[in-house]
């Protein structure tokens, strides 16, 4: 396992995150758009609309996770959406994803949240195995619907 350090990203880290974020979007078959990624990440951090944790291995940015705040009306508690998690292919299988998940979990505890929630593609077996190995449970009670415009 690599020596992985996780830090909460600030505006000065955006340029380190952009290549990872752009690769993440390409994984989901979006076209490369580093300038759009820079603007999007800058907006999220400037407006306090997300929390981003950056994984560092040997002084290099190796991965990131982005959390969005939400709330549970039923429990009347804060909830975090683990919306994005990506590890550079050269850093995979070195504990980077697990370190990012563990940091996100600590963040949820630190902020008094009920917990975290996430979604991943049904076909993303590697991610699903990782989440389950980290103690996450697949939701068999609710069905998710989308309506995009």
Protein backbone atom coordinates (compact mmCIF):
# COMPACT_ATOMS: atom_id res chain seq x y z
CA UNK A 1 0.00 0.00 0.00
CA UNK A 2 1.13 3.52 -0.79
CA UNK A 3 1.46 6.25 1.80
CA UNK A 4 -1.75 8.16 1.03
CA UNK A 5 -2.43 11.58 2.53
CA UNK A 6 -5.87 13.16 2.16
CA UNK A 7 -6.42 16.90 2.38
CA UNK A 8 -9.48 19.08 2.10
CA UNK A 9 -9.13 20.93 -1.17
CA UNK A 10 -9.07 24.70 -1.31
CA UNK A 11 -9.21 27.07 -4.27
CA UNK A 12 -5.43 26.82 -4.67
CA UNK A 13 -5.80 23.07 -5.31
CA UNK A 14 -8.16 23.38 -8.27
CA UNK A 15 -5.42 23.06 -10.89
CA UNK A 16 -4.29 19.80 -9.26
CA UNK A 17 -7.84 18.42 -9.31
CA UNK A 18 -8.75 19.44 -12.89
CA UNK A 19 -6.90 16.56 -14.66
CA UNK A 20 -8.48 14.04 -12.29
CA UNK A 21 -11.94 15.58 -12.63
CA UNK A 22 -11.62 15.68 -16.42
CA UNK A 23 -10.56 12.01 -16.48
CA UNK A 24 -13.50 11.17 -14.21
CA UNK A 25 -15.90 12.81 -16.64
CA UNK A 26 -14.31 11.00 -19.59
CA UNK A 27 -14.82 7.71 -17.70
CA UNK A 28 -18.54 8.53 -17.89
CA UNK A 29 -18.22 9.21 -21.63
CA UNK A 30 -18.28 13.01 -21.45
CA UNK A 31 -15.95 14.98 -23.69
CA UNK A 32 -12.78 16.43 -22.25
CA UNK A 33 -13.26 20.00 -21.03
CA UNK A 34 -10.47 21.11 -18.66
CA UNK A 35 -11.57 24.76 -18.71
CA UNK A 36 -15.16 23.82 -17.95
CA UNK A 37 -13.92 21.54 -15.17
CA UNK A 38 -11.82 24.37 -13.71
CA UNK A 39 -14.81 26.74 -13.75
CA UNK A 40 -17.14 24.13 -12.26
CA UNK A 41 -14.77 23.19 -9.43
CA UNK A 42 -13.94 26.83 -8.72
CA UNK A 43 -17.64 27.66 -8.47
CA UNK A 44 -18.36 24.76 -6.10
CA UNK A 45 -15.50 25.69 -3.77
CA UNK A 46 -16.05 29.46 -3.93
CA UNK A 47 -19.75 29.11 -3.15
CA UNK A 48 -19.20 26.45 -0.48
CA UNK A 49 -21.46 24.10 -2.42
CA UNK A 50 -19.23 21.06 -2.10
CA UNK A 51 -16.39 19.61 -0.10
CA UNK A 52 -13.55 18.04 -2.05
CA UNK A 53 -10.88 15.79 -0.59
CA UNK A 54 -7.70 15.27 -2.57
CA UNK A 55 -5.51 12.18 -2.16
CA UNK A 56 -1.78 12.79 -2.38
CA UNK A 57 0.77 10.03 -3.02
CA UNK A 58 4.45 10.95 -3.29
CA UNK A 59 3.52 14.65 -3.64
CA UNK A 60 1.28 13.87 -6.66
CA UNK A 61 -2.50 14.24 -6.84
CA UNK A 62 -3.69 10.64 -7.05
CA UNK A 63 -7.46 10.92 -6.62
CA UNK A 64 -10.35 12.96 -5.29
CA UNK A 65 -13.82 12.69 -3.89
CA UNK A 66 -16.48 15.40 -3.97
CA UNK A 67 -19.28 15.58 -1.43
CA UNK A 68 -22.48 17.59 -1.71
CA UNK A 69 -24.58 18.51 1.33
CA UNK A 70 -28.11 17.24 1.65
CA UNK A 71 -30.62 16.55 4.40
CA UNK A 72 -32.95 13.76 5.45
CA UNK A 73 -36.41 15.10 6.18
CA UNK A 74 -37.45 11.86 7.86
CA UNK A 75 -34.58 11.86 10.38
CA UNK A 76 -34.22 15.67 10.28
CA UNK A 77 -30.45 15.31 9.95
CA UNK A 78 -27.67 16.36 7.61
CA UNK A 79 -26.64 13.88 4.94
CA UNK A 80 -23.69 14.00 2.54
CA UNK A 81 -23.84 12.78 -1.04
CA UNK A 82 -20.58 11.18 -2.11
CA UNK A 83 -21.12 12.29 -5.68
CA UNK A 84 -17.69 11.77 -7.25
CA UNK A 85 -14.78 9.49 -6.49
CA UNK A 86 -11.92 8.95 -8.92
CA UNK A 87 -8.41 7.56 -8.67
CA UNK A 88 -5.77 8.07 -11.34
CA UNK A 89 -5.24 4.70 -13.08
CA UNK A 90 -1.53 4.76 -12.13
CA UNK A 91 -2.47 4.94 -8.43
CA UNK A 92 -5.16 2.26 -8.37
CA UNK A 93 -4.92 -0.74 -6.04
CA UNK A 94 -2.74 1.28 -3.66
CA UNK A 95 -5.41 2.17 -1.10
CA UNK A 96 -6.22 5.61 -2.53
CA UNK A 97 -9.96 5.03 -3.01
CA UNK A 98 -10.28 3.48 0.43
CA UNK A 99 -8.43 6.44 1.99
CA UNK A 100 -10.81 8.86 0.26
CA UNK A 101 -13.86 6.91 1.41
CA UNK A 102 -12.55 6.81 4.98
CA UNK A 103 -11.90 10.58 4.88
CA UNK A 104 -15.44 11.20 3.61
CA UNK A 105 -16.80 9.04 6.42
CA UNK A 106 -14.80 10.99 9.00
CA UNK A 107 -16.13 14.23 7.50
CA UNK A 108 -19.69 12.99 7.92
CA UNK A 109 -19.00 12.20 11.58
CA UNK A 110 -17.19 15.53 12.12
CA UNK A 111 -20.18 17.45 10.75
CA UNK A 112 -22.75 15.49 12.76
CA UNK A 113 -24.31 13.96 9.66
CA UNK A 114 -26.59 10.94 9.65
CA UNK A 115 -24.29 9.43 7.05
CA UNK A 116 -23.32 9.37 3.42
CA UNK A 117 -25.11 8.18 0.32
CA UNK A 118 -23.82 7.46 -3.17
CA UNK A 119 -24.78 6.02 -6.50
CA UNK A 120 -22.66 4.20 -9.03
CA UNK A 121 -23.33 2.53 -12.34
CA UNK A 122 -24.66 -1.00 -12.08
CA UNK A 123 -21.88 -2.09 -14.42
CA UNK A 124 -19.13 -0.57 -12.23
CA UNK A 125 -18.38 -3.84 -10.44
CA UNK A 126 -14.99 -2.69 -9.11
CA UNK A 127 -16.52 0.33 -7.36
CA UNK A 128 -19.39 -1.73 -6.01
CA UNK A 129 -16.98 -4.31 -4.55
CA UNK A 130 -14.95 -1.54 -2.92
CA UNK A 131 -17.98 0.18 -1.36
CA UNK A 132 -19.29 -3.11 -0.01
CA UNK A 133 -15.82 -4.03 1.34
CA UNK A 134 -15.83 -0.67 3.16
CA UNK A 135 -19.11 -1.55 4.87
CA UNK A 136 -21.55 0.28 2.60
CA UNK A 137 -24.91 -1.43 2.05
CA UNK A 138 -26.74 -1.53 -1.26
CA UNK A 139 -30.20 0.02 -1.02
CA UNK A 140 -32.85 -2.62 -1.70
CA UNK A 141 -35.71 -0.53 -0.32
CA UNK A 142 -35.84 2.51 -2.61
CA UNK A 143 -35.79 2.94 -6.38
CA UNK A 144 -34.17 6.05 -7.85
CA UNK A 145 -35.81 7.95 -10.69
CA UNK A 146 -34.41 10.76 -12.83
CA UNK A 147 -35.95 13.35 -15.09
CA UNK A 148 -33.34 15.39 -16.87
CA UNK A 149 -33.90 18.55 -18.91
